[in-house]
C-alpha atoms as a PDB file:
ATOM      1  CA  MET A   1     -77.683 -83.696  16.727  1.00  0.00           C
ATOM      2  CA  LEU A   2     -76.558 -87.215  16.059  1.00  0.00           C
ATOM      3  CA  SER A   3     -74.101 -86.050  13.431  1.00  0.00           C
ATOM      4  CA  LYS A   4     -72.442 -83.647  15.884  1.00  0.00           C
ATOM      5  CA  LEU A   5     -72.153 -86.412  18.469  1.00  0.00           C
ATOM      6  CA  SER A   6     -70.651 -88.829  15.969  1.00  0.00           C
ATOM      7  CA  LEU A   7     -68.243 -86.114  14.816  1.00  0.00           C
ATOM      8  CA  VAL A   8     -67.110 -85.546  18.414  1.00  0.00           C
ATOM      9  CA  CYS A   9     -66.632 -89.313  18.905  1.00  0.00           C
ATOM     10  CA  ILE A  10     -64.613 -89.636  15.711  1.00  0.00           C
ATOM     11  CA  MET A  11     -62.430 -86.655  16.613  1.00  0.00           C
ATOM     12  CA  SER A  12     -61.764 -88.027  20.089  1.00  0.00           C
ATOM     13  CA  VAL A  13     -60.729 -91.385  18.607  1.00  0.00           C
ATOM     14  CA  PHE A  14     -58.306 -89.607  16.268  1.00  0.00           C
ATOM     15  CA  LEU A  15     -56.840 -87.579  19.127  1.00  0.00           C
ATOM     16  CA  LEU A  16     -56.339 -90.683  21.274  1.00  0.00           C
ATOM     17  CA  ALA A  17     -54.681 -92.483  18.376  1.00  0.00           C
ATOM     18  CA  CYS A  18     -52.169 -89.654  17.995  1.00  0.00           C
ATOM     19  CA  THR A  19     -50.686 -89.965  21.472  1.00  0.00           C
ATOM     20  CA  ILE A  20     -47.147 -91.300  21.475  1.00  0.00           C
ATOM     21  CA  HIS A  21     -46.137 -94.061  23.833  1.00  0.00           C
ATOM     22  CA  ARG A  22     -42.420 -94.304  24.492  1.00  0.00           C
ATOM     23  CA  ILE A  23     -40.980 -97.490  25.899  1.00  0.00           C
ATOM     24  CA  ASP A  24     -38.317 -97.716  28.601  1.00  0.00           C
ATOM     25  CA  VAL A  25     -34.860 -98.219  27.086  1.00  0.00           C
ATOM     26  CA  GLN A  26     -32.557-100.550  29.019  1.00  0.00           C
ATOM     27  CA  GLN A  27     -29.059-101.022  27.678  1.00  0.00           C
ATOM     28  CA  GLY A  28     -26.114-103.093  28.791  1.00  0.00           C
ATOM     29  CA  ASN A  29     -25.659-105.684  31.497  1.00  0.00           C
ATOM     30  CA  ILE A  30     -28.249-105.738  34.264  1.00  0.00           C
ATOM     31  CA  ILE A  31     -26.128-105.608  37.425  1.00  0.00           C
ATOM     32  CA  LYS A  32     -27.636-107.229  40.510  1.00  0.00           C
ATOM     33  CA  PRO A  33     -26.295-106.792  44.064  1.00  0.00           C
ATOM     34  CA  GLU A  34     -26.022-110.589  44.404  1.00  0.00           C
ATOM     35  CA  GLN A  35     -23.594-110.629  41.490  1.00  0.00           C
ATOM     36  CA  ILE A  36     -21.400-107.930  43.029  1.00  0.00           C
ATOM     37  CA  GLU A  37     -21.295-109.801  46.356  1.00  0.00           C
ATOM     38  CA  GLN A  38     -19.950-112.910  44.578  1.00  0.00           C
ATOM     39  CA  LEU A  39     -17.019-111.047  43.045  1.00  0.00           C
ATOM     40  CA  LYS A  40     -13.872-111.566  45.096  1.00  0.00           C
ATOM     41  CA  PRO A  41     -10.202-111.015  44.260  1.00  0.00           C
ATOM     42  CA  GLY A  42      -8.609-114.257  43.124  1.00  0.00           C
ATOM     43  CA  LEU A  43     -11.409-115.371  40.782  1.00  0.00           C
ATOM     44  CA  SER A  44     -10.457-116.363  37.248  1.00  0.00           C
ATOM     45  CA  LYS A  45     -11.785-114.602  34.135  1.00  0.00           C
ATOM     46  CA  ARG A  46     -13.960-117.630  33.472  1.00  0.00           C
ATOM     47  CA  GLN A  47     -15.526-117.428  36.947  1.00  0.00           C
ATOM     48  CA  VAL A  48     -16.165-113.678  36.572  1.00  0.00           C
ATOM     49  CA  ARG A  49     -17.805-114.259  33.183  1.00  0.00           C
ATOM     50  CA  PHE A  50     -20.002-116.969  34.749  1.00  0.00           C
ATOM     51  CA  ILE A  51     -21.130-114.603  37.548  1.00  0.00           C
ATOM     52  CA  MET A  52     -21.518-111.362  35.573  1.00  0.00           C
ATOM     53  CA  GLY A  53     -21.998-112.529  31.986  1.00  0.00           C
ATOM     54  CA  SER A  54     -20.064-111.210  29.018  1.00  0.00           C
ATOM     55  CA  PRO A  55     -18.751-107.689  29.557  1.00  0.00           C
ATOM     56  CA  MET A  56     -20.390-104.844  27.673  1.00  0.00           C
ATOM     57  CA  ILE A  57     -17.004-103.347  26.852  1.00  0.00           C
ATOM     58  CA  GLN A  58     -13.915-105.505  26.389  1.00  0.00           C
ATOM     59  CA  ASP A  59     -11.182-103.232  25.055  1.00  0.00           C
ATOM     60  CA  PRO A  60      -8.628-105.077  22.894  1.00  0.00           C
ATOM     61  CA  PHE A  61      -5.951-102.603  24.028  1.00  0.00           C
ATOM     62  CA  HIS A  62      -6.685-103.246  27.736  1.00  0.00           C
ATOM     63  CA  ASN A  63      -7.285-106.985  27.834  1.00  0.00           C
ATOM     64  CA  GLU A  64      -6.960-107.044  31.614  1.00  0.00           C
ATOM     65  CA  ARG A  65      -9.973-104.742  32.119  1.00  0.00           C
ATOM     66  CA  TRP A  66     -13.667-105.534  31.617  1.00  0.00           C
ATOM     67  CA  ASP A  67     -16.470-102.973  31.888  1.00  0.00           C
ATOM     68  CA  TYR A  68     -20.048-103.865  32.748  1.00  0.00           C
ATOM     69  CA  VAL A  69     -22.374-100.959  31.963  1.00  0.00           C
ATOM     70  CA  TYR A  70     -26.136-100.593  32.489  1.00  0.00           C
ATOM     71  CA  THR A  71     -28.354 -97.615  31.732  1.00  0.00           C
ATOM     72  CA  LEU A  72     -32.102 -97.079  32.018  1.00  0.00           C
ATOM     73  CA  GLN A  73     -33.949 -94.292  30.253  1.00  0.00           C
ATOM     74  CA  PRO A  74     -37.685 -94.269  31.001  1.00  0.00           C
ATOM     75  CA  GLY A  75     -39.843 -93.549  27.988  1.00  0.00           C
ATOM     76  CA  ASN A  76     -41.516 -90.526  29.530  1.00  0.00           C
ATOM     77  CA  VAL A  77     -38.266 -88.592  30.112  1.00  0.00           C
ATOM     78  CA  ARG A  78     -35.361 -87.599  27.871  1.00  0.00           C
ATOM     79  CA  LYS A  79     -32.534 -88.247  30.341  1.00  0.00           C
ATOM     80  CA  ILE A  80     -30.942 -91.390  31.701  1.00  0.00           C
ATOM     81  CA  GLU A  81     -32.439 -92.052  35.114  1.00  0.00           C
ATOM     82  CA  GLU A  82     -30.226 -94.922  36.209  1.00  0.00           C
ATOM     83  CA  ARG A  83     -26.594 -95.652  35.359  1.00  0.00           C
ATOM     84  CA  GLN A  84     -24.422 -98.420  36.768  1.00  0.00           C
ATOM     85  CA  LEU A  85     -20.813 -99.233  35.969  1.00  0.00           C
ATOM     86  CA  VAL A  86     -18.695-102.074  37.295  1.00  0.00           C
ATOM     87  CA  THR A  87     -15.107-102.381  36.095  1.00  0.00           C
ATOM     88  CA  VAL A  88     -13.059-105.443  36.942  1.00  0.00           C
ATOM     89  CA  TYR A  89      -9.278-105.619  36.584  1.00  0.00           C
ATOM     90  CA  PHE A  90      -7.196-108.743  36.098  1.00  0.00           C
ATOM     91  CA  GLU A  91      -3.530-109.614  36.374  1.00  0.00           C
ATOM     92  CA  ASN A  92      -2.470-112.885  34.731  1.00  0.00           C
ATOM     93  CA  ASP A  93      -6.170-113.789  34.243  1.00  0.00           C
ATOM     94  CA  VAL A  94      -6.900-113.423  37.988  1.00  0.00           C
ATOM     95  CA  LEU A  95      -9.267-110.782  39.387  1.00  0.00           C
ATOM     96  CA  VAL A  96      -7.358-108.209  41.445  1.00  0.00           C
ATOM     97  CA  LYS A  97      -9.600-105.123  41.643  1.00  0.00           C
ATOM     98  CA  ILE A  98     -13.305-104.256  41.434  1.00  0.00           C
ATOM     99  CA  ASP A  99     -14.407-100.665  40.775  1.00  0.00           C
ATOM    100  CA  LYS A 100     -18.145-100.104  41.401  1.00  0.00           C
ATOM    101  CA  ARG A 101     -20.108 -97.014  40.492  1.00  0.00           C
ATOM    102  CA  LEU A 102     -23.677 -97.997  41.167  1.00  0.00           C
ATOM    103  CA  LYS A 103     -26.638 -95.671  41.268  1.00  0.00           C
ATOM    104  CA  GLN A 104     -29.777 -97.054  42.774  1.00  0.00           C
ATOM    105  CA  PRO A 105     -33.065 -96.314  41.028  1.00  0.00           C
ATOM    106  CA  ALA A 106     -34.812 -93.100  42.062  1.00  0.00           C
ATOM    107  CA  LEU A 107     -37.942 -93.673  44.120  1.00  0.00           C
END
């Protein structure tokens, strides 16, 4: 009887060890509402970089446009649950336009 019990214990340990834990994958710039509120037309590129950090995408062919991208994919699902994109446009190194596509986290 003891050997059957020990066999069941060993098998349960092996089964628990085989479970896969997937971590949440966060990519890009974390975009906070406080940062967006600070962005105003007329700010310099240096001021925008101080507020938002370095842009995730800085296209060499469109030097007057910076893209800040953030995605969150929880480990237990295969799709991106949260996606945020903020694009800022400059003219002569001065902020002129802010394009926000923010998706709040699902509750």
